[in-house]
Amino acid sequence: MTYRPFGIYVTGTTDEYRLDVVTDPEPDTPQAVTYFTAADVDAAVRQASRLLVAVDGPADRYGELYAHDGDGAAVYVDTIHLPA
């Protein structure tokens, strides 16, 4: 698991997610960062896929999905790739 600061969060919410849209080989410099809530991890992956499509960028972009751990850290969940 990768721990990184989550950035922002809604007090009292634990089902928060962050999608870092990456267009460069270096994942630590995302093109866009989106915060959202979802009912569970499966719903978060589906929403992250939709958000990734909505962001302008090259066809080879991908998203790093993180969950808020409740203590201010981001826990890596999955890497979302655009369909080929």
PDB file of N, CA and C in Angstrom:
ATOM      1  N   MET A   1       0.833  -1.180   0.000  1.00  0.00           N
ATOM      2  CA  MET A   1       0.000   0.000   0.000  1.00  0.00           C
ATOM      3  C   MET A   1       0.878   1.245   0.000  1.00  0.00           C
ATOM      4  N   THR A   2       0.439   2.242  -0.734  1.00  0.00           N
ATOM      5  CA  THR A   2       1.139   3.507  -0.775  1.00  0.00           C
ATOM      6  C   THR A   2       0.379   4.505   0.077  1.00  0.00           C
ATOM      7  N   TYR A   3       1.065   5.154   1.006  1.00  0.00           N
ATOM      8  CA  TYR A   3       0.433   6.172   1.846  1.00  0.00           C
ATOM      9  C   TYR A   3       0.905   7.535   1.391  1.00  0.00           C
ATOM     10  N   ARG A   4      -0.051   8.414   1.079  1.00  0.00           N
ATOM     11  CA  ARG A   4       0.234   9.781   0.697  1.00  0.00           C
ATOM     12  C   ARG A   4      -0.820  10.654   1.366  1.00  0.00           C
ATOM     13  N   PRO A   5      -0.524  11.921   1.579  1.00  0.00           N
ATOM     14  CA  PRO A   5      -1.554  12.806   2.144  1.00  0.00           C
ATOM     15  C   PRO A   5      -2.774  12.852   1.234  1.00  0.00           C
ATOM     16  N   PHE A   6      -3.942  12.841   1.823  1.00  0.00           N
ATOM     17  CA  PHE A   6      -5.162  12.842   1.025  1.00  0.00           C
ATOM     18  C   PHE A   6      -5.454  14.218   0.460  1.00  0.00           C
ATOM     19  N   GLY A   7      -5.082  15.268   1.137  1.00  0.00           N
ATOM     20  CA  GLY A   7      -5.278  16.617   0.616  1.00  0.00           C
ATOM     21  C   GLY A   7      -6.457  17.309   1.249  1.00  0.00           C
ATOM     22  N   ILE A   8      -7.658  16.929   0.888  1.00  0.00           N
ATOM     23  CA  ILE A   8      -8.862  17.518   1.472  1.00  0.00           C
ATOM     24  C   ILE A   8      -9.803  16.387   1.842  1.00  0.00           C
ATOM     25  N   TYR A   9     -10.703  16.660   2.750  1.00  0.00           N
ATOM     26  CA  TYR A   9     -11.713  15.662   3.087  1.00  0.00           C
ATOM     27  C   TYR A   9     -12.910  16.330   3.723  1.00  0.00           C
ATOM     28  N   VAL A  10     -14.015  15.633   3.643  1.00  0.00           N
ATOM     29  CA  VAL A  10     -15.262  16.096   4.235  1.00  0.00           C
ATOM     30  C   VAL A  10     -15.363  15.470   5.610  1.00  0.00           C
ATOM     31  N   THR A  11     -15.466  16.290   6.638  1.00  0.00           N
ATOM     32  CA  THR A  11     -15.525  15.797   8.007  1.00  0.00           C
ATOM     33  C   THR A  11     -16.678  14.817   8.174  1.00  0.00           C
ATOM     34  N   GLY A  12     -16.389  13.675   8.773  1.00  0.00           N
ATOM     35  CA  GLY A  12     -17.411  12.676   9.033  1.00  0.00           C
ATOM     36  C   GLY A  12     -17.639  11.701   7.894  1.00  0.00           C
ATOM     37  N   THR A  13     -16.942  11.886   6.775  1.00  0.00           N
ATOM     38  CA  THR A  13     -17.103  10.998   5.630  1.00  0.00           C
ATOM     39  C   THR A  13     -15.903  10.079   5.537  1.00  0.00           C
ATOM     40  N   THR A  14     -16.144   8.801   5.346  1.00  0.00           N
ATOM     41  CA  THR A  14     -15.027   7.866   5.224  1.00  0.00           C
ATOM     42  C   THR A  14     -14.950   7.225   3.842  1.00  0.00           C
ATOM     43  N   ASP A  15     -15.949   7.432   3.000  1.00  0.00           N
ATOM     44  CA  ASP A  15     -15.959   6.825   1.677  1.00  0.00           C
ATOM     45  C   ASP A  15     -15.507   7.832   0.616  1.00  0.00           C
ATOM     46  N   GLU A  16     -14.408   8.503   0.898  1.00  0.00           N
ATOM     47  CA  GLU A  16     -13.875   9.498  -0.028  1.00  0.00           C
ATOM     48  C   GLU A  16     -12.741   8.899  -0.847  1.00  0.00           C
ATOM     49  N   TYR A  17     -12.675   9.344  -2.086  1.00  0.00           N
ATOM     50  CA  TYR A  17     -11.671   8.846  -3.008  1.00  0.00           C
ATOM     51  C   TYR A  17     -11.023  10.015  -3.737  1.00  0.00           C
ATOM     52  N   ARG A  18      -9.830   9.761  -4.244  1.00  0.00           N
ATOM     53  CA  ARG A  18      -9.110  10.757  -5.030  1.00  0.00           C
ATOM     54  C   ARG A  18      -8.585  10.062  -6.279  1.00  0.00           C
ATOM     55  N   LEU A  19      -8.789  10.719  -7.417  1.00  0.00           N
ATOM     56  CA  LEU A  19      -8.267  10.215  -8.679  1.00  0.00           C
ATOM     57  C   LEU A  19      -7.207  11.185  -9.175  1.00  0.00           C
ATOM     58  N   ASP A  20      -5.978  10.698  -9.299  1.00  0.00           N
ATOM     59  CA  ASP A  20      -4.888  11.482  -9.878  1.00  0.00           C
ATOM     60  C   ASP A  20      -4.778  11.070 -11.340  1.00  0.00           C
ATOM     61  N   VAL A  21      -5.112  11.988 -12.260  1.00  0.00           N
ATOM     62  CA  VAL A  21      -5.032  11.704 -13.689  1.00  0.00           C
ATOM     63  C   VAL A  21      -3.603  11.966 -14.144  1.00  0.00           C
ATOM     64  N   VAL A  22      -2.965  10.935 -14.679  1.00  0.00           N
ATOM     65  CA  VAL A  22      -1.554  11.006 -15.043  1.00  0.00           C
ATOM     66  C   VAL A  22      -1.414  10.893 -16.558  1.00  0.00           C
ATOM     67  N   THR A  23      -0.657  11.824 -17.141  1.00  0.00           N
ATOM     68  CA  THR A  23      -0.390  11.796 -18.581  1.00  0.00           C
ATOM     69  C   THR A  23       1.106  11.713 -18.846  1.00  0.00           C
ATOM     70  N   ASP A  24       1.879  11.680 -17.822  1.00  0.00           N
ATOM     71  CA  ASP A  24       3.334  11.683 -17.895  1.00  0.00           C
ATOM     72  C   ASP A  24       3.830  10.388 -17.256  1.00  0.00           C
ATOM     73  N   PRO A  25       4.994   9.910 -17.624  1.00  0.00           N
ATOM     74  CA  PRO A  25       5.489   8.690 -16.968  1.00  0.00           C
ATOM     75  C   PRO A  25       5.680   8.834 -15.458  1.00  0.00           C
ATOM     76  N   GLU A  26       5.810  10.056 -14.957  1.00  0.00           N
ATOM     77  CA  GLU A  26       6.013  10.303 -13.527  1.00  0.00           C
ATOM     78  C   GLU A  26       4.658  10.477 -12.833  1.00  0.00           C
ATOM     79  N   PRO A  27       4.198   9.500 -12.050  1.00  0.00           N
ATOM     80  CA  PRO A  27       2.873   9.590 -11.426  1.00  0.00           C
ATOM     81  C   PRO A  27       2.767  10.636 -10.317  1.00  0.00           C
ATOM     82  N   ASP A  28       3.891  11.171  -9.841  1.00  0.00           N
ATOM     83  CA  ASP A  28       3.841  12.166  -8.771  1.00  0.00           C
ATOM     84  C   ASP A  28       3.509  13.567  -9.275  1.00  0.00           C
ATOM     85  N   THR A  29       3.326  13.728 -10.595  1.00  0.00           N
ATOM     86  CA  THR A  29       2.945  15.022 -11.152  1.00  0.00           C
ATOM     87  C   THR A  29       1.691  14.839 -12.009  1.00  0.00           C
ATOM     88  N   PRO A  30       0.526  14.665 -11.354  1.00  0.00           N
ATOM     89  CA  PRO A  30      -0.705  14.429 -12.110  1.00  0.00           C
ATOM     90  C   PRO A  30      -1.158  15.672 -12.872  1.00  0.00           C
ATOM     91  N   GLN A  31      -1.828  15.444 -13.996  1.00  0.00           N
ATOM     92  CA  GLN A  31      -2.405  16.532 -14.786  1.00  0.00           C
ATOM     93  C   GLN A  31      -3.598  17.132 -14.060  1.00  0.00           C
ATOM     94  N   ALA A  32      -4.372  16.282 -13.409  1.00  0.00           N
ATOM     95  CA  ALA A  32      -5.567  16.722 -12.688  1.00  0.00           C
ATOM     96  C   ALA A  32      -5.765  15.817 -11.476  1.00  0.00           C
ATOM     97  N   VAL A  33      -6.373  16.390 -10.438  1.00  0.00           N
ATOM     98  CA  VAL A  33      -6.708  15.644  -9.231  1.00  0.00           C
ATOM     99  C   VAL A  33      -8.185  15.897  -8.948  1.00  0.00           C
ATOM    100  N   THR A  34      -8.929  14.811  -8.789  1.00  0.00           N
ATOM    101  CA  THR A  34     -10.366  14.914  -8.546  1.00  0.00           C
ATOM    102  C   THR A  34     -10.712  14.166  -7.269  1.00  0.00           C
ATOM    103  N   TYR A  35     -11.486  14.816  -6.399  1.00  0.00           N
ATOM    104  CA  TYR A  35     -11.970  14.203  -5.164  1.00  0.00           C
ATOM    105  C   TYR A  35     -13.448  13.895  -5.323  1.00  0.00           C
ATOM    106  N   PHE A  36     -13.877  12.736  -4.841  1.00  0.00           N
ATOM    107  CA  PHE A  36     -15.286  12.370  -4.921  1.00  0.00           C
ATOM    108  C   PHE A  36     -15.613  11.347  -3.847  1.00  0.00           C
ATOM    109  N   THR A  37     -16.906  11.137  -3.627  1.00  0.00           N
ATOM    110  CA  THR A  37     -17.345  10.112  -2.683  1.00  0.00           C
ATOM    111  C   THR A  37     -18.030   9.000  -3.472  1.00  0.00           C
ATOM    112  N   ALA A  38     -17.999   7.808  -2.913  1.00  0.00           N
ATOM    113  CA  ALA A  38     -18.649   6.649  -3.533  1.00  0.00           C
ATOM    114  C   ALA A  38     -19.100   5.704  -2.426  1.00  0.00           C
ATOM    115  N   ALA A  39     -20.085   4.885  -2.733  1.00  0.00           N
ATOM    116  CA  ALA A  39     -20.652   3.973  -1.745  1.00  0.00           C
ATOM    117  C   ALA A  39     -19.680   2.878  -1.339  1.00  0.00           C
ATOM    118  N   ASP A  40     -18.846   2.427  -2.290  1.00  0.00           N
ATOM    119  CA  ASP A  40     -17.881   1.367  -2.009  1.00  0.00           C
ATOM    120  C   ASP A  40     -16.772   1.425  -3.062  1.00  0.00           C
ATOM    121  N   VAL A  41     -15.820   0.514  -2.968  1.00  0.00           N
ATOM    122  CA  VAL A  41     -14.677   0.527  -3.877  1.00  0.00           C
ATOM    123  C   VAL A  41     -15.104   0.266  -5.317  1.00  0.00           C
ATOM    124  N   ASP A  42     -16.036  -0.662  -5.535  1.00  0.00           N
ATOM    125  CA  ASP A  42     -16.483  -0.942  -6.898  1.00  0.00           C
ATOM    126  C   ASP A  42     -17.119   0.289  -7.541  1.00  0.00           C
ATOM    127  N   ALA A  43     -17.938   0.992  -6.789  1.00  0.00           N
ATOM    128  CA  ALA A  43     -18.552   2.218  -7.303  1.00  0.00           C
ATOM    129  C   ALA A  43     -17.493   3.281  -7.550  1.00  0.00           C
ATOM    130  N   ALA A  44     -16.476   3.339  -6.706  1.00  0.00           N
ATOM    131  CA  ALA A  44     -15.399   4.307  -6.887  1.00  0.00           C
ATOM    132  C   ALA A  44     -14.609   4.022  -8.164  1.00  0.00           C
ATOM    133  N   VAL A  45     -14.360   2.763  -8.458  1.00  0.00           N
ATOM    134  CA  VAL A  45     -13.641   2.398  -9.685  1.00  0.00           C
ATOM    135  C   VAL A  45     -14.465   2.785 -10.915  1.00  0.00           C
ATOM    136  N   ARG A  46     -15.769   2.533 -10.870  1.00  0.00           N
ATOM    137  CA  ARG A  46     -16.635   2.916 -12.001  1.00  0.00           C
ATOM    138  C   ARG A  46     -16.650   4.429 -12.184  1.00  0.00           C
ATOM    139  N   GLN A  47     -16.770   5.169 -11.079  1.00  0.00           N
ATOM    140  CA  GLN A  47     -16.782   6.630 -11.163  1.00  0.00           C
ATOM    141  C   GLN A  47     -15.433   7.152 -11.640  1.00  0.00           C
ATOM    142  N   ALA A  48     -14.349   6.578 -11.163  1.00  0.00           N
ATOM    143  CA  ALA A  48     -13.012   6.996 -11.584  1.00  0.00           C
ATOM    144  C   ALA A  48     -12.833   6.787 -13.083  1.00  0.00           C
ATOM    145  N   SER A  49     -13.369   5.700 -13.618  1.00  0.00           N
ATOM    146  CA  SER A  49     -13.291   5.443 -15.062  1.00  0.00           C
ATOM    147  C   SER A  49     -14.015   6.533 -15.840  1.00  0.00           C
ATOM    148  N   ARG A  50     -15.192   6.928 -15.361  1.00  0.00           N
ATOM    149  CA  ARG A  50     -15.947   7.997 -16.031  1.00  0.00           C
ATOM    150  C   ARG A  50     -15.209   9.330 -15.932  1.00  0.00           C
ATOM    151  N   LEU A  51     -14.639   9.622 -14.781  1.00  0.00           N
ATOM    152  CA  LEU A  51     -13.893  10.874 -14.613  1.00  0.00           C
ATOM    153  C   LEU A  51     -12.654  10.894 -15.502  1.00  0.00           C
ATOM    154  N   LEU A  52     -11.997   9.778 -15.625  1.00  0.00           N
ATOM    155  CA  LEU A  52     -10.801   9.703 -16.454  1.00  0.00           C
ATOM    156  C   LEU A  52     -11.126  10.010 -17.915  1.00  0.00           C
ATOM    157  N   VAL A  53     -12.248   9.502 -18.400  1.00  0.00           N
ATOM    158  CA  VAL A  53     -12.673   9.783 -19.771  1.00  0.00           C
ATOM    159  C   VAL A  53     -13.002  11.266 -19.939  1.00  0.00           C
ATOM    160  N   ALA A  54     -13.547  11.897 -18.909  1.00  0.00           N
ATOM    161  CA  ALA A  54     -13.985  13.289 -18.999  1.00  0.00           C
ATOM    162  C   ALA A  54     -12.835  14.295 -19.001  1.00  0.00           C
ATOM    163  N   VAL A  55     -11.668  13.912 -18.534  1.00  0.00           N
ATOM    164  CA  VAL A  55     -10.530  14.826 -18.482  1.00  0.00           C
ATOM    165  C   VAL A  55      -9.848  14.859 -19.841  1.00  0.00           C
ATOM    166  N   ASP A  56      -9.596  16.068 -20.350  1.00  0.00           N
ATOM    167  CA  ASP A  56      -8.878  16.200 -21.617  1.00  0.00           C
ATOM    168  C   ASP A  56      -7.439  15.756 -21.436  1.00  0.00           C
ATOM    169  N   GLY A  57      -6.925  15.111 -22.462  1.00  0.00           N
ATOM    170  CA  GLY A  57      -5.540  14.673 -22.414  1.00  0.00           C
ATOM    171  C   GLY A  57      -5.243  13.653 -23.475  1.00  0.00           C
ATOM    172  N   PRO A  58      -4.017  13.186 -23.507  1.00  0.00           N
ATOM    173  CA  PRO A  58      -3.642  12.187 -24.510  1.00  0.00           C
ATOM    174  C   PRO A  58      -4.371  10.865 -24.286  1.00  0.00           C
ATOM    175  N   ALA A  59      -4.440  10.072 -25.329  1.00  0.00           N
ATOM    176  CA  ALA A  59      -5.169   8.801 -25.261  1.00  0.00           C
ATOM    177  C   ALA A  59      -4.536   7.811 -24.283  1.00  0.00           C
ATOM    178  N   ASP A  60      -3.259   7.988 -23.958  1.00  0.00           N
ATOM    179  CA  ASP A  60      -2.582   7.019 -23.087  1.00  0.00           C
ATOM    180  C   ASP A  60      -2.587   7.415 -21.615  1.00  0.00           C
ATOM    181  N   ARG A  61      -3.525   8.282 -21.212  1.00  0.00           N
ATOM    182  CA  ARG A  61      -3.571   8.691 -19.804  1.00  0.00           C
ATOM    183  C   ARG A  61      -4.163   7.576 -18.935  1.00  0.00           C
ATOM    184  N   TYR A  62      -3.851   7.654 -17.670  1.00  0.00           N
ATOM    185  CA  TYR A  62      -4.388   6.699 -16.710  1.00  0.00           C
ATOM    186  C   TYR A  62      -4.625   7.423 -15.399  1.00  0.00           C
ATOM    187  N   GLY A  63      -5.307   6.784 -14.483  1.00  0.00           N
ATOM    188  CA  GLY A  63      -5.599   7.388 -13.190  1.00  0.00           C
ATOM    189  C   GLY A  63      -5.157   6.497 -12.056  1.00  0.00           C
ATOM    190  N   GLU A  64      -4.597   7.120 -11.040  1.00  0.00           N
ATOM    191  CA  GLU A  64      -4.240   6.422  -9.801  1.00  0.00           C
ATOM    192  C   GLU A  64      -5.370   6.716  -8.813  1.00  0.00           C
ATOM    193  N   LEU A  65      -6.058   5.689  -8.361  1.00  0.00           N
ATOM    194  CA  LEU A  65      -7.189   5.847  -7.449  1.00  0.00           C
ATOM    195  C   LEU A  65      -6.728   5.605  -6.021  1.00  0.00           C
ATOM    196  N   TYR A  66      -7.058   6.546  -5.143  1.00  0.00           N
ATOM    197  CA  TYR A  66      -6.706   6.454  -3.724  1.00  0.00           C
ATOM    198  C   TYR A  66      -7.970   6.583  -2.890  1.00  0.00           C
ATOM    199  N   ALA A  67      -7.970   5.949  -1.727  1.00  0.00           N
ATOM    200  CA  ALA A  67      -9.065   6.073  -0.760  1.00  0.00           C
ATOM    201  C   ALA A  67      -8.555   6.831   0.456  1.00  0.00           C
ATOM    202  N   HIS A  68      -9.438   7.587   1.069  1.00  0.00           N
ATOM    203  CA  HIS A  68      -9.107   8.304   2.298  1.00  0.00           C
ATOM    204  C   HIS A  68      -9.151   7.313   3.446  1.00  0.00           C
ATOM    205  N   ASP A  69      -8.097   7.256   4.234  1.00  0.00           N
ATOM    206  CA  ASP A  69      -8.055   6.271   5.327  1.00  0.00           C
ATOM    207  C   ASP A  69      -8.730   6.746   6.603  1.00  0.00           C
ATOM    208  N   GLY A  70      -9.262   7.966   6.615  1.00  0.00           N
ATOM    209  CA  GLY A  70      -9.928   8.509   7.795  1.00  0.00           C
ATOM    210  C   GLY A  70      -9.010   9.302   8.695  1.00  0.00           C
ATOM    211  N   ASP A  71      -7.691   9.198   8.475  1.00  0.00           N
ATOM    212  CA  ASP A  71      -6.720   9.926   9.293  1.00  0.00           C
ATOM    213  C   ASP A  71      -5.890  10.909   8.478  1.00  0.00           C
ATOM    214  N   GLY A  72      -6.358  11.254   7.280  1.00  0.00           N
ATOM    215  CA  GLY A  72      -5.655  12.233   6.467  1.00  0.00           C
ATOM    216  C   GLY A  72      -4.688  11.664   5.453  1.00  0.00           C
ATOM    217  N   ALA A  73      -4.584  10.353   5.360  1.00  0.00           N
ATOM    218  CA  ALA A  73      -3.676   9.730   4.396  1.00  0.00           C
ATOM    219  C   ALA A  73      -4.470   9.118   3.244  1.00  0.00           C
ATOM    220  N   ALA A  74      -3.806   9.021   2.100  1.00  0.00           N
ATOM    221  CA  ALA A  74      -4.402   8.387   0.928  1.00  0.00           C
ATOM    222  C   ALA A  74      -3.807   6.998   0.771  1.00  0.00           C
ATOM    223  N   VAL A  75      -4.668   6.008   0.623  1.00  0.00           N
ATOM    224  CA  VAL A  75      -4.242   4.628   0.463  1.00  0.00           C
ATOM    225  C   VAL A  75      -4.517   4.218  -0.987  1.00  0.00           C
ATOM    226  N   TYR A  76      -3.489   3.728  -1.664  1.00  0.00           N
ATOM    227  CA  TYR A  76      -3.625   3.309  -3.057  1.00  0.00           C
ATOM    228  C   TYR A  76      -4.677   2.211  -3.172  1.00  0.00           C
ATOM    229  N   VAL A  77      -5.569   2.361  -4.173  1.00  0.00           N
ATOM    230  CA  VAL A  77      -6.613   1.372  -4.417  1.00  0.00           C
ATOM    231  C   VAL A  77      -6.384   0.634  -5.735  1.00  0.00           C
ATOM    232  N   ASP A  78      -6.207   1.395  -6.820  1.00  0.00           N
ATOM    233  CA  ASP A  78      -6.124   0.766  -8.136  1.00  0.00           C
ATOM    234  C   ASP A  78      -5.590   1.766  -9.148  1.00  0.00           C
ATOM    235  N   THR A  79      -5.123   1.250 -10.280  1.00  0.00           N
ATOM    236  CA  THR A  79      -4.750   2.072 -11.416  1.00  0.00           C
ATOM    237  C   THR A  79      -5.816   1.848 -12.488  1.00  0.00           C
ATOM    238  N   ILE A  80      -6.402   2.933 -12.978  1.00  0.00           N
ATOM    239  CA  ILE A  80      -7.471   2.882 -13.967  1.00  0.00           C
ATOM    240  C   ILE A  80      -6.885   3.322 -15.305  1.00  0.00           C
ATOM    241  N   HIS A  81      -6.968   2.473 -16.311  1.00  0.00           N
ATOM    242  CA  HIS A  81      -6.494   2.805 -17.658  1.00  0.00           C
ATOM    243  C   HIS A  81      -7.686   3.036 -18.578  1.00  0.00           C
ATOM    244  N   LEU A  82      -7.516   3.948 -19.522  1.00  0.00           N
ATOM    245  CA  LEU A  82      -8.551   4.109 -20.544  1.00  0.00           C
ATOM    246  C   LEU A  82      -8.571   2.856 -21.407  1.00  0.00           C
ATOM    247  N   PRO A  83      -9.745   2.427 -21.847  1.00  0.00           N
ATOM    248  CA  PRO A  83      -9.793   1.263 -22.735  1.00  0.00           C
ATOM    249  C   PRO A  83      -9.073   1.558 -24.035  1.00  0.00           C
ATOM    250  N   ALA A  84      -8.373   0.570 -24.545  1.00  0.00           N
ATOM    251  CA  ALA A  84      -7.621   0.744 -25.802  1.00  0.00           C
ATOM    252  C   ALA A  84      -8.529   0.760 -26.997  1.00  0.00           C
TER     253      ALA A  84
END
